[in-house]
Amino acid sequence: MDWNDHLVETDSVIAYCRKVKMAIDQPVTVAENYEWWAAHGEKLAGELDFIAIHIYPVWEGKDIDEGLSYSIENVQKVRDALPNSTIVISEAG
């Protein structure tokens, strides 16, 4: 994404997730911006127990009257792209 200058390659993240999943019994996830999940997340989502998305209505210029509806749109964008994934909002701002 254009806001991140240190994005790790998806294949590397998948390898890390597989290693962690072999070592623990807890669910494994990775957190990323909703835009990334919607545009690029299919391969990684298939490796995870659930996906953790970040939504930023305030950072994206939405006021209190439009923040909730904008957040719902963000989640729906990911839901449309990854319909079989369980989605958790892990960061909002």
PDB file of N, CA and C in Angstrom:
ATOM      1  N   MET A   1       0.845  -1.185   0.000  1.00  0.00           N
ATOM      2  CA  MET A   1       0.000   0.000   0.000  1.00  0.00           C
ATOM      3  C   MET A   1       0.887   1.244   0.000  1.00  0.00           C
ATOM      4  N   ASP A   2       0.359   2.326  -0.441  1.00  0.00           N
ATOM      5  CA  ASP A   2       1.142   3.546  -0.539  1.00  0.00           C
ATOM      6  C   ASP A   2       1.448   4.169   0.820  1.00  0.00           C
ATOM      7  N   TRP A   3       0.761   3.761   1.870  1.00  0.00           N
ATOM      8  CA  TRP A   3       1.011   4.318   3.199  1.00  0.00           C
ATOM      9  C   TRP A   3       2.065   3.521   3.964  1.00  0.00           C
ATOM     10  N   ASN A   4       2.541   2.432   3.393  1.00  0.00           N
ATOM     11  CA  ASN A   4       3.434   1.536   4.111  1.00  0.00           C
ATOM     12  C   ASN A   4       4.710   1.318   3.310  1.00  0.00           C
ATOM     13  N   ASP A   5       5.842   1.710   3.881  1.00  0.00           N
ATOM     14  CA  ASP A   5       7.104   1.547   3.168  1.00  0.00           C
ATOM     15  C   ASP A   5       7.847   0.278   3.572  1.00  0.00           C
ATOM     16  N   HIS A   6       7.219  -0.579   4.362  1.00  0.00           N
ATOM     17  CA  HIS A   6       7.894  -1.808   4.804  1.00  0.00           C
ATOM     18  C   HIS A   6       6.965  -3.031   4.760  1.00  0.00           C
ATOM     19  N   LEU A   7       6.179  -3.098   3.723  1.00  0.00           N
ATOM     20  CA  LEU A   7       5.251  -4.208   3.543  1.00  0.00           C
ATOM     21  C   LEU A   7       6.036  -5.493   3.263  1.00  0.00           C
ATOM     22  N   VAL A   8       5.709  -6.549   3.992  1.00  0.00           N
ATOM     23  CA  VAL A   8       6.352  -7.849   3.811  1.00  0.00           C
ATOM     24  C   VAL A   8       5.621  -8.587   2.695  1.00  0.00           C
ATOM     25  N   GLU A   9       6.364  -9.260   1.836  1.00  0.00           N
ATOM     26  CA  GLU A   9       5.773 -10.003   0.729  1.00  0.00           C
ATOM     27  C   GLU A   9       4.802 -11.063   1.243  1.00  0.00           C
ATOM     28  N   THR A  10       3.690 -11.232   0.550  1.00  0.00           N
ATOM     29  CA  THR A  10       2.644 -12.164   0.969  1.00  0.00           C
ATOM     30  C   THR A  10       3.179 -13.583   1.161  1.00  0.00           C
ATOM     31  N   ASP A  11       4.001 -14.055   0.269  1.00  0.00           N
ATOM     32  CA  ASP A  11       4.525 -15.414   0.401  1.00  0.00           C
ATOM     33  C   ASP A  11       5.357 -15.571   1.672  1.00  0.00           C
ATOM     34  N   SER A  12       6.067 -14.542   2.069  1.00  0.00           N
ATOM     35  CA  SER A  12       6.837 -14.592   3.314  1.00  0.00           C
ATOM     36  C   SER A  12       5.906 -14.643   4.517  1.00  0.00           C
ATOM     37  N   VAL A  13       4.851 -13.849   4.486  1.00  0.00           N
ATOM     38  CA  VAL A  13       3.885 -13.858   5.589  1.00  0.00           C
ATOM     39  C   VAL A  13       3.219 -15.229   5.686  1.00  0.00           C
ATOM     40  N   ILE A  14       2.866 -15.800   4.556  1.00  0.00           N
ATOM     41  CA  ILE A  14       2.264 -17.138   4.557  1.00  0.00           C
ATOM     42  C   ILE A  14       3.212 -18.150   5.189  1.00  0.00           C
ATOM     43  N   ALA A  15       4.477 -18.090   4.843  1.00  0.00           N
ATOM     44  CA  ALA A  15       5.452 -19.020   5.429  1.00  0.00           C
ATOM     45  C   ALA A  15       5.526 -18.838   6.941  1.00  0.00           C
ATOM     46  N   TYR A  16       5.532 -17.597   7.403  1.00  0.00           N
ATOM     47  CA  TYR A  16       5.558 -17.331   8.854  1.00  0.00           C
ATOM     48  C   TYR A  16       4.297 -17.884   9.521  1.00  0.00           C
ATOM     49  N   CYS A  17       3.152 -17.657   8.904  1.00  0.00           N
ATOM     50  CA  CYS A  17       1.886 -18.127   9.478  1.00  0.00           C
ATOM     51  C   CYS A  17       1.848 -19.643   9.567  1.00  0.00           C
ATOM     52  N   ARG A  18       2.314 -20.308   8.548  1.00  0.00           N
ATOM     53  CA  ARG A  18       2.344 -21.774   8.579  1.00  0.00           C
ATOM     54  C   ARG A  18       3.238 -22.276   9.712  1.00  0.00           C
ATOM     55  N   LYS A  19       4.359 -21.628   9.882  1.00  0.00           N
ATOM     56  CA  LYS A  19       5.283 -22.010  10.954  1.00  0.00           C
ATOM     57  C   LYS A  19       4.628 -21.824  12.322  1.00  0.00           C
ATOM     58  N   VAL A  20       3.970 -20.698  12.513  1.00  0.00           N
ATOM     59  CA  VAL A  20       3.302 -20.424  13.786  1.00  0.00           C
ATOM     60  C   VAL A  20       2.172 -21.421  14.015  1.00  0.00           C
ATOM     61  N   LYS A  21       1.380 -21.684  12.988  1.00  0.00           N
ATOM     62  CA  LYS A  21       0.250 -22.613  13.129  1.00  0.00           C
ATOM     63  C   LYS A  21       0.710 -24.016  13.513  1.00  0.00           C
ATOM     64  N   MET A  22       1.877 -24.409  13.070  1.00  0.00           N
ATOM     65  CA  MET A  22       2.411 -25.719  13.435  1.00  0.00           C
ATOM     66  C   MET A  22       2.879 -25.755  14.891  1.00  0.00           C
ATOM     67  N   ALA A  23       3.176 -24.585  15.453  1.00  0.00           N
ATOM     68  CA  ALA A  23       3.765 -24.525  16.789  1.00  0.00           C
ATOM     69  C   ALA A  23       2.762 -24.253  17.910  1.00  0.00           C
ATOM     70  N   ILE A  24       1.565 -23.783  17.561  1.00  0.00           N
ATOM     71  CA  ILE A  24       0.597 -23.404  18.595  1.00  0.00           C
ATOM     72  C   ILE A  24      -0.784 -23.944  18.272  1.00  0.00           C
ATOM     73  N   ASP A  25      -1.661 -23.915  19.273  1.00  0.00           N
ATOM     74  CA  ASP A  25      -3.041 -24.356  19.076  1.00  0.00           C
ATOM     75  C   ASP A  25      -4.013 -23.189  18.883  1.00  0.00           C
ATOM     76  N   GLN A  26      -3.586 -21.985  19.154  1.00  0.00           N
ATOM     77  CA  GLN A  26      -4.458 -20.818  19.056  1.00  0.00           C
ATOM     78  C   GLN A  26      -4.708 -20.447  17.591  1.00  0.00           C
ATOM     79  N   PRO A  27      -5.820 -19.770  17.344  1.00  0.00           N
ATOM     80  CA  PRO A  27      -6.072 -19.263  15.990  1.00  0.00           C
ATOM     81  C   PRO A  27      -4.981 -18.272  15.578  1.00  0.00           C
ATOM     82  N   VAL A  28      -4.667 -18.267  14.301  1.00  0.00           N
ATOM     83  CA  VAL A  28      -3.619 -17.403  13.762  1.00  0.00           C
ATOM     84  C   VAL A  28      -4.234 -16.436  12.759  1.00  0.00           C
ATOM     85  N   THR A  29      -3.797 -15.182  12.851  1.00  0.00           N
ATOM     86  CA  THR A  29      -4.266 -14.154  11.923  1.00  0.00           C
ATOM     87  C   THR A  29      -3.145 -13.195  11.600  1.00  0.00           C
ATOM     88  N   VAL A  30      -3.442 -12.295  10.689  1.00  0.00           N
ATOM     89  CA  VAL A  30      -2.557 -11.197  10.323  1.00  0.00           C
ATOM     90  C   VAL A  30      -3.444  -9.966  10.173  1.00  0.00           C
ATOM     91  N   ALA A  31      -2.959  -8.833  10.611  1.00  0.00           N
ATOM     92  CA  ALA A  31      -3.725  -7.591  10.526  1.00  0.00           C
ATOM     93  C   ALA A  31      -3.194  -6.715   9.392  1.00  0.00           C
ATOM     94  N   GLU A  32      -4.138  -6.105   8.674  1.00  0.00           N
ATOM     95  CA  GLU A  32      -3.773  -5.198   7.587  1.00  0.00           C
ATOM     96  C   GLU A  32      -4.955  -4.290   7.283  1.00  0.00           C
ATOM     97  N   ASN A  33      -4.685  -3.228   6.591  1.00  0.00           N
ATOM     98  CA  ASN A  33      -5.692  -2.261   6.161  1.00  0.00           C
ATOM     99  C   ASN A  33      -6.766  -2.939   5.298  1.00  0.00           C
ATOM    100  N   TYR A  34      -8.008  -2.500   5.467  1.00  0.00           N
ATOM    101  CA  TYR A  34      -9.125  -3.086   4.712  1.00  0.00           C
ATOM    102  C   TYR A  34      -8.900  -3.036   3.213  1.00  0.00           C
ATOM    103  N   GLU A  35      -8.280  -1.981   2.713  1.00  0.00           N
ATOM    104  CA  GLU A  35      -8.032  -1.857   1.268  1.00  0.00           C
ATOM    105  C   GLU A  35      -7.109  -2.973   0.787  1.00  0.00           C
ATOM    106  N   TRP A  36      -6.069  -3.273   1.576  1.00  0.00           N
ATOM    107  CA  TRP A  36      -5.148  -4.339   1.187  1.00  0.00           C
ATOM    108  C   TRP A  36      -5.884  -5.670   1.152  1.00  0.00           C
ATOM    109  N   TRP A  37      -6.660  -5.954   2.195  1.00  0.00           N
ATOM    110  CA  TRP A  37      -7.395  -7.219   2.222  1.00  0.00           C
ATOM    111  C   TRP A  37      -8.297  -7.348   1.003  1.00  0.00           C
ATOM    112  N   ALA A  38      -9.020  -6.302   0.677  1.00  0.00           N
ATOM    113  CA  ALA A  38      -9.965  -6.363  -0.443  1.00  0.00           C
ATOM    114  C   ALA A  38      -9.244  -6.545  -1.783  1.00  0.00           C
ATOM    115  N   ALA A  39      -8.117  -5.909  -1.945  1.00  0.00           N
ATOM    116  CA  ALA A  39      -7.427  -5.933  -3.233  1.00  0.00           C
ATOM    117  C   ALA A  39      -6.436  -7.086  -3.387  1.00  0.00           C
ATOM    118  N   HIS A  40      -5.804  -7.508  -2.287  1.00  0.00           N
ATOM    119  CA  HIS A  40      -4.682  -8.445  -2.387  1.00  0.00           C
ATOM    120  C   HIS A  40      -4.752  -9.620  -1.411  1.00  0.00           C
ATOM    121  N   GLY A  41      -5.794  -9.725  -0.611  1.00  0.00           N
ATOM    122  CA  GLY A  41      -5.779 -10.630   0.523  1.00  0.00           C
ATOM    123  C   GLY A  41      -6.214 -12.061   0.305  1.00  0.00           C
ATOM    124  N   GLU A  42      -6.663 -12.423  -0.873  1.00  0.00           N
ATOM    125  CA  GLU A  42      -7.250 -13.750  -1.058  1.00  0.00           C
ATOM    126  C   GLU A  42      -6.278 -14.884  -0.714  1.00  0.00           C
ATOM    127  N   LYS A  43      -5.069 -14.822  -1.213  1.00  0.00           N
ATOM    128  CA  LYS A  43      -4.097 -15.894  -0.982  1.00  0.00           C
ATOM    129  C   LYS A  43      -3.773 -16.039   0.506  1.00  0.00           C
ATOM    130  N   LEU A  44      -3.539 -14.934   1.181  1.00  0.00           N
ATOM    131  CA  LEU A  44      -3.204 -14.966   2.600  1.00  0.00           C
ATOM    132  C   LEU A  44      -4.407 -15.379   3.445  1.00  0.00           C
ATOM    133  N   ALA A  45      -5.570 -14.871   3.118  1.00  0.00           N
ATOM    134  CA  ALA A  45      -6.773 -15.193   3.895  1.00  0.00           C
ATOM    135  C   ALA A  45      -7.018 -16.692   3.942  1.00  0.00           C
ATOM    136  N   GLY A  46      -6.694 -17.384   2.881  1.00  0.00           N
ATOM    137  CA  GLY A  46      -6.881 -18.816   2.828  1.00  0.00           C
ATOM    138  C   GLY A  46      -6.011 -19.595   3.806  1.00  0.00           C
ATOM    139  N   GLU A  47      -4.990 -18.963   4.324  1.00  0.00           N
ATOM    140  CA  GLU A  47      -4.064 -19.596   5.262  1.00  0.00           C
ATOM    141  C   GLU A  47      -4.417 -19.319   6.720  1.00  0.00           C
ATOM    142  N   LEU A  48      -5.319 -18.385   6.953  1.00  0.00           N
ATOM    143  CA  LEU A  48      -5.574 -17.887   8.305  1.00  0.00           C
ATOM    144  C   LEU A  48      -6.864 -18.437   8.891  1.00  0.00           C
ATOM    145  N   ASP A  49      -6.942 -18.387  10.210  1.00  0.00           N
ATOM    146  CA  ASP A  49      -8.168 -18.788  10.899  1.00  0.00           C
ATOM    147  C   ASP A  49      -9.221 -17.684  10.829  1.00  0.00           C
ATOM    148  N   PHE A  50      -8.799 -16.456  10.768  1.00  0.00           N
ATOM    149  CA  PHE A  50      -9.665 -15.294  10.553  1.00  0.00           C
ATOM    150  C   PHE A  50      -8.780 -14.164  10.070  1.00  0.00           C
ATOM    151  N   ILE A  51      -9.380 -13.127   9.509  1.00  0.00           N
ATOM    152  CA  ILE A  51      -8.578 -11.977   9.081  1.00  0.00           C
ATOM    153  C   ILE A  51      -8.887 -10.790   9.985  1.00  0.00           C
ATOM    154  N   ALA A  52      -7.857 -10.017  10.250  1.00  0.00           N
ATOM    155  CA  ALA A  52      -7.962  -8.844  11.109  1.00  0.00           C
ATOM    156  C   ALA A  52      -7.779  -7.605  10.234  1.00  0.00           C
ATOM    157  N   ILE A  53      -8.824  -6.783  10.174  1.00  0.00           N
ATOM    158  CA  ILE A  53      -8.751  -5.612   9.297  1.00  0.00           C
ATOM    159  C   ILE A  53      -8.677  -4.320  10.116  1.00  0.00           C
ATOM    160  N   HIS A  54      -8.012  -3.352   9.513  1.00  0.00           N
ATOM    161  CA  HIS A  54      -7.941  -2.011  10.077  1.00  0.00           C
ATOM    162  C   HIS A  54      -8.834  -1.100   9.239  1.00  0.00           C
ATOM    163  N   ILE A  55      -9.630  -0.300   9.918  1.00  0.00           N
ATOM    164  CA  ILE A  55     -10.466   0.700   9.244  1.00  0.00           C
ATOM    165  C   ILE A  55     -10.171   2.052   9.871  1.00  0.00           C
ATOM    166  N   TYR A  56     -10.201   3.113   9.055  1.00  0.00           N
ATOM    167  CA  TYR A  56      -9.766   4.427   9.515  1.00  0.00           C
ATOM    168  C   TYR A  56     -10.716   5.551   9.088  1.00  0.00           C
ATOM    169  N   PRO A  57     -11.933   5.577   9.562  1.00  0.00           N
ATOM    170  CA  PRO A  57     -12.847   6.623   9.106  1.00  0.00           C
ATOM    171  C   PRO A  57     -12.358   8.036   9.436  1.00  0.00           C
ATOM    172  N   VAL A  58     -11.819   8.242  10.608  1.00  0.00           N
ATOM    173  CA  VAL A  58     -11.343   9.582  10.982  1.00  0.00           C
ATOM    174  C   VAL A  58     -10.119   9.958  10.162  1.00  0.00           C
ATOM    175  N   TRP A  59      -9.168   9.034  10.053  1.00  0.00           N
ATOM    176  CA  TRP A  59      -7.963   9.296   9.275  1.00  0.00           C
ATOM    177  C   TRP A  59      -8.284   9.565   7.819  1.00  0.00           C
ATOM    178  N   GLU A  60      -9.408   9.014   7.345  1.00  0.00           N
ATOM    179  CA  GLU A  60      -9.797   9.213   5.960  1.00  0.00           C
ATOM    180  C   GLU A  60     -10.797  10.351   5.792  1.00  0.00           C
ATOM    181  N   GLY A  61     -10.865  11.222   6.799  1.00  0.00           N
ATOM    182  CA  GLY A  61     -11.618  12.459   6.681  1.00  0.00           C
ATOM    183  C   GLY A  61     -13.106  12.381   6.925  1.00  0.00           C
ATOM    184  N   LYS A  62     -13.594  11.312   7.536  1.00  0.00           N
ATOM    185  CA  LYS A  62     -15.023  11.196   7.791  1.00  0.00           C
ATOM    186  C   LYS A  62     -15.358  11.767   9.165  1.00  0.00           C
ATOM    187  N   ASP A  63     -16.459  12.487   9.244  1.00  0.00           N
ATOM    188  CA  ASP A  63     -16.871  13.053  10.531  1.00  0.00           C
ATOM    189  C   ASP A  63     -17.787  12.077  11.257  1.00  0.00           C
ATOM    190  N   ILE A  64     -18.258  12.474  12.411  1.00  0.00           N
ATOM    191  CA  ILE A  64     -19.051  11.581  13.252  1.00  0.00           C
ATOM    192  C   ILE A  64     -20.346  11.138  12.575  1.00  0.00           C
ATOM    193  N   ASP A  65     -20.883  11.961  11.694  1.00  0.00           N
ATOM    194  CA  ASP A  65     -22.136  11.612  11.017  1.00  0.00           C
ATOM    195  C   ASP A  65     -21.958  10.580   9.911  1.00  0.00           C
ATOM    196  N   GLU A  66     -20.755  10.442   9.384  1.00  0.00           N
ATOM    197  CA  GLU A  66     -20.524   9.474   8.312  1.00  0.00           C
ATOM    198  C   GLU A  66     -19.558   8.358   8.684  1.00  0.00           C
ATOM    199  N   GLY A  67     -18.976   8.419   9.870  1.00  0.00           N
ATOM    200  CA  GLY A  67     -17.969   7.441  10.284  1.00  0.00           C
ATOM    201  C   GLY A  67     -18.474   6.008  10.341  1.00  0.00           C
ATOM    202  N   LEU A  68     -19.645   5.789  10.915  1.00  0.00           N
ATOM    203  CA  LEU A  68     -20.158   4.423  11.035  1.00  0.00           C
ATOM    204  C   LEU A  68     -20.515   3.849   9.668  1.00  0.00           C
ATOM    205  N   SER A  69     -21.240   4.602   8.861  1.00  0.00           N
ATOM    206  CA  SER A  69     -21.624   4.078   7.548  1.00  0.00           C
ATOM    207  C   SER A  69     -20.389   3.831   6.678  1.00  0.00           C
ATOM    208  N   TYR A  70     -19.386   4.683   6.789  1.00  0.00           N
ATOM    209  CA  TYR A  70     -18.139   4.491   6.043  1.00  0.00           C
ATOM    210  C   TYR A  70     -17.418   3.230   6.515  1.00  0.00           C
ATOM    211  N   SER A  71     -17.410   3.014   7.820  1.00  0.00           N
ATOM    212  CA  SER A  71     -16.786   1.808   8.371  1.00  0.00           C
ATOM    213  C   SER A  71     -17.485   0.552   7.879  1.00  0.00           C
ATOM    214  N   ILE A  72     -18.788   0.589   7.850  1.00  0.00           N
ATOM    215  CA  ILE A  72     -19.558  -0.551   7.348  1.00  0.00           C
ATOM    216  C   ILE A  72     -19.225  -0.807   5.873  1.00  0.00           C
ATOM    217  N   GLU A  73     -19.092   0.246   5.090  1.00  0.00           N
ATOM    218  CA  GLU A  73     -18.708   0.104   3.686  1.00  0.00           C
ATOM    219  C   GLU A  73     -17.332  -0.558   3.567  1.00  0.00           C
ATOM    220  N   ASN A  74     -16.393  -0.170   4.433  1.00  0.00           N
ATOM    221  CA  ASN A  74     -15.046  -0.752   4.418  1.00  0.00           C
ATOM    222  C   ASN A  74     -15.103  -2.243   4.693  1.00  0.00           C
ATOM    223  N   VAL A  75     -15.858  -2.627   5.715  1.00  0.00           N
ATOM    224  CA  VAL A  75     -15.994  -4.044   6.055  1.00  0.00           C
ATOM    225  C   VAL A  75     -16.674  -4.787   4.914  1.00  0.00           C
ATOM    226  N   GLN A  76     -17.691  -4.202   4.329  1.00  0.00           N
ATOM    227  CA  GLN A  76     -18.406  -4.852   3.229  1.00  0.00           C
ATOM    228  C   GLN A  76     -17.497  -5.053   2.024  1.00  0.00           C
ATOM    229  N   LYS A  77     -16.614  -4.115   1.786  1.00  0.00           N
ATOM    230  CA  LYS A  77     -15.664  -4.241   0.679  1.00  0.00           C
ATOM    231  C   LYS A  77     -14.803  -5.494   0.862  1.00  0.00           C
ATOM    232  N   VAL A  78     -14.359  -5.734   2.088  1.00  0.00           N
ATOM    233  CA  VAL A  78     -13.568  -6.932   2.382  1.00  0.00           C
ATOM    234  C   VAL A  78     -14.460  -8.167   2.303  1.00  0.00           C
ATOM    235  N   ARG A  79     -15.656  -8.089   2.848  1.00  0.00           N
ATOM    236  CA  ARG A  79     -16.601  -9.215   2.805  1.00  0.00           C
ATOM    237  C   ARG A  79     -16.886  -9.632   1.366  1.00  0.00           C
ATOM    238  N   ASP A  80     -17.058  -8.658   0.485  1.00  0.00           N
ATOM    239  CA  ASP A  80     -17.321  -8.960  -0.921  1.00  0.00           C
ATOM    240  C   ASP A  80     -16.121  -9.655  -1.571  1.00  0.00           C
ATOM    241  N   ALA A  81     -14.918  -9.222  -1.218  1.00  0.00           N
ATOM    242  CA  ALA A  81     -13.704  -9.790  -1.807  1.00  0.00           C
ATOM    243  C   ALA A  81     -13.352 -11.149  -1.213  1.00  0.00           C
ATOM    244  N   LEU A  82     -13.674 -11.343   0.076  1.00  0.00           N
ATOM    245  CA  LEU A  82     -13.285 -12.557   0.794  1.00  0.00           C
ATOM    246  C   LEU A  82     -14.494 -13.137   1.523  1.00  0.00           C
ATOM    247  N   PRO A  83     -15.491 -13.601   0.786  1.00  0.00           N
ATOM    248  CA  PRO A  83     -16.761 -14.001   1.401  1.00  0.00           C
ATOM    249  C   PRO A  83     -16.672 -15.184   2.361  1.00  0.00           C
ATOM    250  N   ASN A  84     -15.631 -15.983   2.270  1.00  0.00           N
ATOM    251  CA  ASN A  84     -15.508 -17.149   3.139  1.00  0.00           C
ATOM    252  C   ASN A  84     -14.648 -16.896   4.375  1.00  0.00           C
ATOM    253  N   SER A  85     -14.192 -15.672   4.554  1.00  0.00           N
ATOM    254  CA  SER A  85     -13.319 -15.340   5.678  1.00  0.00           C
ATOM    255  C   SER A  85     -14.115 -14.774   6.842  1.00  0.00           C
ATOM    256  N   THR A  86     -13.710 -15.142   8.044  1.00  0.00           N
ATOM    257  CA  THR A  86     -14.219 -14.498   9.248  1.00  0.00           C
ATOM    258  C   THR A  86     -13.424 -13.212   9.424  1.00  0.00           C
ATOM    259  N   ILE A  87     -14.127 -12.093   9.593  1.00  0.00           N
ATOM    260  CA  ILE A  87     -13.485 -10.780   9.668  1.00  0.00           C
ATOM    261  C   ILE A  87     -13.599 -10.238  11.079  1.00  0.00           C
ATOM    262  N   VAL A  88     -12.491  -9.737  11.610  1.00  0.00           N
ATOM    263  CA  VAL A  88     -12.455  -9.056  12.893  1.00  0.00           C
ATOM    264  C   VAL A  88     -11.866  -7.666  12.652  1.00  0.00           C
ATOM    265  N   ILE A  89     -12.521  -6.645  13.169  1.00  0.00           N
ATOM    266  CA  ILE A  89     -11.944  -5.298  13.099  1.00  0.00           C
ATOM    267  C   ILE A  89     -10.948  -5.199  14.238  1.00  0.00           C
ATOM    268  N   SER A  90      -9.682  -5.100  13.890  1.00  0.00           N
ATOM    269  CA  SER A  90      -8.627  -5.113  14.903  1.00  0.00           C
ATOM    270  C   SER A  90      -8.070  -3.729  15.208  1.00  0.00           C
ATOM    271  N   GLU A  91      -8.375  -2.781  14.372  1.00  0.00           N
ATOM    272  CA  GLU A  91      -7.942  -1.405  14.629  1.00  0.00           C
ATOM    273  C   GLU A  91      -8.927  -0.481  13.925  1.00  0.00           C
ATOM    274  N   ALA A  92      -9.316   0.570  14.599  1.00  0.00           N
ATOM    275  CA  ALA A  92     -10.226   1.562  14.013  1.00  0.00           C
ATOM    276  C   ALA A  92      -9.784   2.936  14.487  1.00  0.00           C
ATOM    277  N   GLY A  93      -9.907   3.895  13.622  1.00  0.00           N
ATOM    278  CA  GLY A  93      -9.496   5.233  14.031  1.00  0.00           C
ATOM    279  C   GLY A  93      -9.847   6.271  13.015  1.00  0.00           C
TER     280      GLY A  93
END
